[in-house]
N, C-alpha and C. Protein backbone atom coordinates (compact mmCIF):
# COMPACT_ATOMS: atom_id res chain seq x y z
N MET A 1 0.80 -1.22 0.02
CA MET A 1 0.04 0.03 0.02
C MET A 1 0.82 1.27 -0.03
N ALA A 2 0.57 2.26 -0.81
CA ALA A 2 1.27 3.44 -0.89
C ALA A 2 1.13 4.26 0.38
N ASN A 3 2.20 4.97 0.76
CA ASN A 3 2.17 5.81 1.96
C ASN A 3 1.33 7.09 1.62
N LEU A 4 1.05 7.96 2.61
CA LEU A 4 0.25 9.12 2.43
C LEU A 4 0.82 10.05 1.48
N LEU A 5 2.20 10.21 1.39
CA LEU A 5 2.74 11.17 0.41
C LEU A 5 2.57 10.65 -0.98
N GLU A 6 2.79 9.38 -1.21
CA GLU A 6 2.54 8.74 -2.51
C GLU A 6 1.09 8.92 -3.01
N GLN A 7 0.18 8.78 -2.08
CA GLN A 7 -1.29 8.95 -2.31
C GLN A 7 -1.53 10.37 -2.80
N LEU A 8 -0.96 11.32 -2.03
CA LEU A 8 -1.12 12.75 -2.38
C LEU A 8 -0.53 13.04 -3.82
N ARG A 9 0.61 12.54 -4.08
CA ARG A 9 1.27 12.70 -5.42
C ARG A 9 0.41 12.18 -6.58
N ALA A 10 -0.32 11.15 -6.26
CA ALA A 10 -1.28 10.60 -7.31
C ALA A 10 -2.44 11.55 -7.62
N MET A 11 -2.75 12.34 -6.66
CA MET A 11 -3.93 13.17 -6.96
C MET A 11 -3.63 14.69 -7.12
N THR A 12 -2.43 15.17 -6.68
CA THR A 12 -2.19 16.62 -6.69
C THR A 12 -0.69 16.82 -6.87
N VAL A 13 -0.32 18.10 -6.94
CA VAL A 13 1.12 18.45 -7.05
C VAL A 13 1.59 18.71 -5.64
N VAL A 14 2.65 18.14 -5.18
CA VAL A 14 3.21 18.39 -3.86
C VAL A 14 4.10 19.61 -3.88
N VAL A 15 3.77 20.57 -2.98
CA VAL A 15 4.52 21.73 -2.93
C VAL A 15 5.06 21.98 -1.51
N ALA A 16 6.28 22.22 -1.45
CA ALA A 16 6.98 22.43 -0.12
C ALA A 16 6.74 23.93 0.28
N ASP A 17 6.42 24.13 1.51
CA ASP A 17 6.36 25.42 2.11
C ASP A 17 7.25 25.58 3.31
N THR A 18 8.52 25.79 2.97
CA THR A 18 9.51 25.69 3.92
C THR A 18 10.84 26.41 3.40
N GLY A 19 11.80 26.61 4.23
CA GLY A 19 13.17 27.02 3.80
C GLY A 19 14.14 25.96 3.96
N ASP A 20 13.60 24.85 4.55
CA ASP A 20 14.56 23.72 4.83
C ASP A 20 14.77 22.85 3.60
N MET A 21 15.98 23.04 3.03
CA MET A 21 16.25 22.32 1.84
C MET A 21 16.54 20.87 2.01
N GLU A 22 16.96 20.46 3.22
CA GLU A 22 17.00 19.02 3.52
C GLU A 22 15.73 18.33 3.49
N ALA A 23 14.74 18.92 3.90
CA ALA A 23 13.39 18.35 3.79
C ALA A 23 12.94 18.32 2.37
N MET A 24 13.21 19.26 1.67
CA MET A 24 12.96 19.22 0.20
C MET A 24 13.60 18.07 -0.60
N GLU A 25 14.93 17.95 -0.21
CA GLU A 25 15.62 16.82 -0.82
C GLU A 25 15.06 15.49 -0.40
N LYS A 26 14.61 15.40 0.77
CA LYS A 26 14.03 14.05 1.28
C LYS A 26 12.70 13.80 0.67
N PHE A 27 11.81 14.83 0.59
CA PHE A 27 10.42 14.49 0.08
C PHE A 27 10.25 14.81 -1.39
N ARG A 28 11.15 15.58 -2.00
CA ARG A 28 11.21 15.84 -3.49
C ARG A 28 9.79 16.46 -3.95
N PRO A 29 9.37 17.63 -3.44
CA PRO A 29 8.28 18.26 -3.91
C PRO A 29 8.37 18.70 -5.34
N GLN A 30 7.30 18.91 -6.07
CA GLN A 30 7.33 19.41 -7.45
C GLN A 30 7.65 20.98 -7.43
N ASP A 31 7.06 21.73 -6.57
CA ASP A 31 7.33 23.19 -6.46
C ASP A 31 7.61 23.50 -5.04
N SER A 32 7.91 24.82 -4.76
CA SER A 32 8.26 25.21 -3.50
C SER A 32 7.86 26.65 -3.23
N THR A 33 7.41 27.03 -2.08
CA THR A 33 7.12 28.36 -1.76
C THR A 33 7.79 28.61 -0.35
N THR A 34 8.18 29.86 -0.19
CA THR A 34 8.77 30.19 1.15
C THR A 34 8.52 31.67 1.42
N ASN A 35 8.78 32.11 2.66
CA ASN A 35 8.57 33.49 3.02
C ASN A 35 9.62 33.90 3.96
N PRO A 36 9.67 35.21 4.31
CA PRO A 36 10.69 35.72 5.19
C PRO A 36 10.79 35.00 6.53
N SER A 37 9.70 34.58 7.19
CA SER A 37 9.81 33.95 8.43
C SER A 37 10.37 32.53 8.34
N LEU A 38 10.06 31.83 7.26
CA LEU A 38 10.65 30.51 7.01
C LEU A 38 12.08 30.62 6.68
N ILE A 39 12.52 31.63 5.91
CA ILE A 39 13.94 31.81 5.58
C ILE A 39 14.72 32.16 6.83
N THR A 40 14.11 33.08 7.69
CA THR A 40 14.77 33.41 8.90
C THR A 40 14.95 32.10 9.78
N ALA A 41 14.03 31.27 9.89
CA ALA A 41 14.16 30.01 10.69
C ALA A 41 15.19 29.14 10.09
N ALA A 42 15.17 28.95 8.83
CA ALA A 42 16.10 28.05 8.11
C ALA A 42 17.55 28.66 8.21
N SER A 43 17.72 30.02 8.15
CA SER A 43 19.06 30.60 8.16
C SER A 43 19.71 30.46 9.56
N GLN A 44 18.94 30.02 10.55
CA GLN A 44 19.56 29.85 11.85
C GLN A 44 20.08 28.45 12.06
N LEU A 45 19.79 27.59 11.09
CA LEU A 45 20.25 26.21 11.16
C LEU A 45 21.69 26.08 10.70
N PRO A 46 22.54 25.39 11.36
CA PRO A 46 23.99 25.37 11.03
C PRO A 46 24.27 24.98 9.62
N GLN A 47 23.50 24.04 9.03
CA GLN A 47 23.79 23.61 7.64
C GLN A 47 23.66 24.67 6.58
N TYR A 48 22.92 25.71 7.03
CA TYR A 48 22.69 26.88 6.09
C TYR A 48 23.59 28.08 6.29
N GLN A 49 24.46 28.00 7.25
CA GLN A 49 25.34 29.08 7.61
C GLN A 49 26.21 29.56 6.42
N PRO A 50 26.66 28.61 5.63
CA PRO A 50 27.47 29.18 4.43
C PRO A 50 26.65 30.11 3.51
N ILE A 51 25.34 29.93 3.39
CA ILE A 51 24.52 30.74 2.55
C ILE A 51 24.46 32.14 3.28
N VAL A 52 24.21 32.20 4.51
CA VAL A 52 24.16 33.41 5.32
C VAL A 52 25.45 34.13 5.18
N ASP A 53 26.56 33.42 5.50
CA ASP A 53 27.85 34.06 5.44
C ASP A 53 28.14 34.61 4.06
N GLY A 54 27.90 33.93 3.03
CA GLY A 54 28.12 34.48 1.71
C GLY A 54 27.28 35.70 1.41
N VAL A 55 25.94 35.77 1.81
CA VAL A 55 25.17 36.92 1.65
C VAL A 55 25.74 38.11 2.45
N LEU A 56 26.20 37.90 3.67
CA LEU A 56 26.79 38.97 4.53
C LEU A 56 28.12 39.48 3.79
N GLN A 57 28.88 38.55 3.33
CA GLN A 57 30.12 39.03 2.69
C GLN A 57 29.82 39.83 1.43
N ASP A 58 28.85 39.39 0.67
CA ASP A 58 28.45 40.21 -0.56
C ASP A 58 28.03 41.53 -0.16
N ALA A 59 27.19 41.65 0.93
CA ALA A 59 26.65 42.97 1.33
C ALA A 59 27.75 43.87 1.86
N ARG A 60 28.67 43.25 2.60
CA ARG A 60 29.79 44.08 3.05
C ARG A 60 30.69 44.65 1.85
N LYS A 61 30.93 43.73 0.91
CA LYS A 61 31.69 44.12 -0.23
C LYS A 61 30.94 45.26 -1.01
N GLU A 62 29.65 45.12 -1.17
CA GLU A 62 28.86 46.13 -1.87
C GLU A 62 28.90 47.48 -1.22
N LEU A 63 28.68 47.49 0.15
CA LEU A 63 28.64 48.69 0.85
C LEU A 63 29.92 49.28 1.31
N GLY A 64 31.00 48.46 1.30
CA GLY A 64 32.31 48.90 1.70
C GLY A 64 32.58 48.65 3.09
N ASP A 65 33.95 48.63 3.45
CA ASP A 65 34.34 48.26 4.78
C ASP A 65 33.88 49.27 5.90
N SER A 66 33.61 50.55 5.54
CA SER A 66 33.24 51.42 6.51
C SER A 66 31.69 51.51 6.79
N ALA A 67 30.93 50.58 6.14
CA ALA A 67 29.51 50.56 6.23
C ALA A 67 29.04 50.19 7.68
N ASP A 68 27.96 50.79 8.06
CA ASP A 68 27.32 50.51 9.28
C ASP A 68 26.78 49.11 9.33
N GLU A 69 26.99 48.35 10.39
CA GLU A 69 26.50 46.97 10.56
C GLU A 69 25.05 46.85 10.23
N LYS A 70 24.24 47.79 10.64
CA LYS A 70 22.79 47.71 10.41
C LYS A 70 22.47 47.75 8.95
N ASP A 71 23.16 48.65 8.26
CA ASP A 71 23.05 48.75 6.77
C ASP A 71 23.47 47.41 6.09
N VAL A 72 24.56 46.79 6.50
CA VAL A 72 25.01 45.55 5.97
C VAL A 72 23.91 44.44 6.22
N ALA A 73 23.41 44.49 7.43
CA ALA A 73 22.42 43.46 7.81
C ALA A 73 21.17 43.69 6.95
N LYS A 74 20.79 44.86 6.82
CA LYS A 74 19.50 45.17 6.00
C LYS A 74 19.65 44.74 4.54
N LEU A 75 20.76 45.06 3.98
CA LEU A 75 21.04 44.62 2.53
C LEU A 75 21.11 43.17 2.43
N ALA A 76 21.79 42.54 3.45
CA ALA A 76 21.97 41.08 3.42
C ALA A 76 20.56 40.43 3.55
N PHE A 77 19.76 40.91 4.42
CA PHE A 77 18.45 40.26 4.61
C PHE A 77 17.63 40.37 3.31
N SER A 78 17.72 41.42 2.62
CA SER A 78 16.92 41.57 1.38
C SER A 78 17.48 40.59 0.29
N SER A 79 18.68 40.21 0.37
CA SER A 79 19.22 39.37 -0.63
C SER A 79 19.19 37.81 -0.18
N LEU A 80 18.91 37.59 1.13
CA LEU A 80 18.96 36.26 1.65
C LEU A 80 17.82 35.34 1.03
N ALA A 81 16.68 35.88 0.82
CA ALA A 81 15.62 35.15 0.23
C ALA A 81 15.94 34.77 -1.18
N VAL A 82 16.66 35.62 -1.96
CA VAL A 82 17.06 35.29 -3.26
C VAL A 82 18.13 34.18 -3.29
N ALA A 83 19.01 34.23 -2.27
CA ALA A 83 20.04 33.23 -2.24
C ALA A 83 19.47 31.86 -1.87
N PHE A 84 18.46 31.83 -0.96
CA PHE A 84 17.78 30.54 -0.62
C PHE A 84 17.01 30.09 -1.83
N GLY A 85 16.33 31.00 -2.52
CA GLY A 85 15.53 30.65 -3.67
C GLY A 85 16.37 29.98 -4.80
N LYS A 86 17.60 30.52 -4.97
CA LYS A 86 18.54 30.00 -6.01
C LYS A 86 18.91 28.56 -5.63
N LYS A 87 19.16 28.30 -4.38
CA LYS A 87 19.52 26.96 -3.89
C LYS A 87 18.36 26.02 -3.99
N ILE A 88 17.17 26.49 -3.74
CA ILE A 88 15.98 25.64 -3.76
C ILE A 88 15.74 25.24 -5.26
N LEU A 89 15.99 26.14 -6.15
CA LEU A 89 15.80 25.86 -7.57
C LEU A 89 16.61 24.65 -8.03
N LYS A 90 17.67 24.39 -7.42
CA LYS A 90 18.52 23.26 -7.74
C LYS A 90 17.94 21.97 -7.20
N ILE A 91 16.96 22.08 -6.37
CA ILE A 91 16.35 20.86 -5.72
C ILE A 91 15.02 20.51 -6.41
N VAL A 92 14.13 21.50 -6.51
CA VAL A 92 12.73 21.23 -7.10
C VAL A 92 12.74 21.34 -8.54
N PRO A 93 12.05 20.59 -9.25
CA PRO A 93 12.02 20.63 -10.71
C PRO A 93 11.03 21.74 -11.24
N GLY A 94 10.14 22.16 -10.38
CA GLY A 94 9.17 23.14 -10.84
C GLY A 94 9.48 24.56 -10.37
N ARG A 95 8.43 25.23 -10.02
CA ARG A 95 8.59 26.66 -9.65
C ARG A 95 8.90 26.87 -8.22
N VAL A 96 9.57 27.98 -7.92
CA VAL A 96 9.90 28.40 -6.52
C VAL A 96 9.35 29.78 -6.43
N SER A 97 8.45 30.00 -5.47
CA SER A 97 7.86 31.22 -5.13
C SER A 97 8.35 31.68 -3.72
N THR A 98 8.92 32.93 -3.78
CA THR A 98 9.48 33.41 -2.51
C THR A 98 8.79 34.75 -2.25
N GLU A 99 8.08 34.73 -1.14
CA GLU A 99 7.45 36.00 -0.70
C GLU A 99 8.53 36.94 -0.15
N VAL A 100 8.40 38.21 -0.38
CA VAL A 100 9.33 39.18 0.17
C VAL A 100 8.45 40.36 0.64
N ASP A 101 9.14 41.25 1.31
CA ASP A 101 8.38 42.46 1.77
C ASP A 101 7.98 43.16 0.44
N ALA A 102 6.69 43.60 0.49
CA ALA A 102 6.08 44.24 -0.67
C ALA A 102 6.90 45.39 -1.23
N ARG A 103 7.62 46.11 -0.36
CA ARG A 103 8.41 47.23 -0.72
C ARG A 103 9.58 46.77 -1.69
N LEU A 104 10.04 45.52 -1.51
CA LEU A 104 11.15 44.98 -2.32
C LEU A 104 10.66 44.58 -3.75
N SER A 105 9.36 44.25 -3.81
CA SER A 105 8.84 43.78 -5.13
C SER A 105 8.92 44.94 -6.15
N TYR A 106 9.06 46.13 -5.77
CA TYR A 106 9.15 47.29 -6.74
C TYR A 106 10.56 47.71 -6.89
N ASN A 107 11.50 46.99 -6.28
CA ASN A 107 12.93 47.49 -6.41
C ASN A 107 13.57 46.54 -7.52
N THR A 108 13.74 47.20 -8.67
CA THR A 108 14.33 46.45 -9.80
C THR A 108 15.85 46.47 -9.73
């Protein structure tokens, strides 16, 4: 008999609603959606520290060595969802939807 996940896959598209890429690799959803609170939670897990560190380094580089730490953190946080989304795209075969602060959606 098929387990519950297999039964769901037979009737619908499985979509992950998380920032935890290990869970996505385990359950192999078709699509993924995430939001700032899920990214914040995932970014605190040790296995995702390299993503956070890379985003912080990029923000420091962009703003310069004399930049205020709050400005670095603000820029880094706005880029963190994108960094997670790019990693998630390597896992799920379908679409990745990342919710962001509405003000960012107008920032080209």
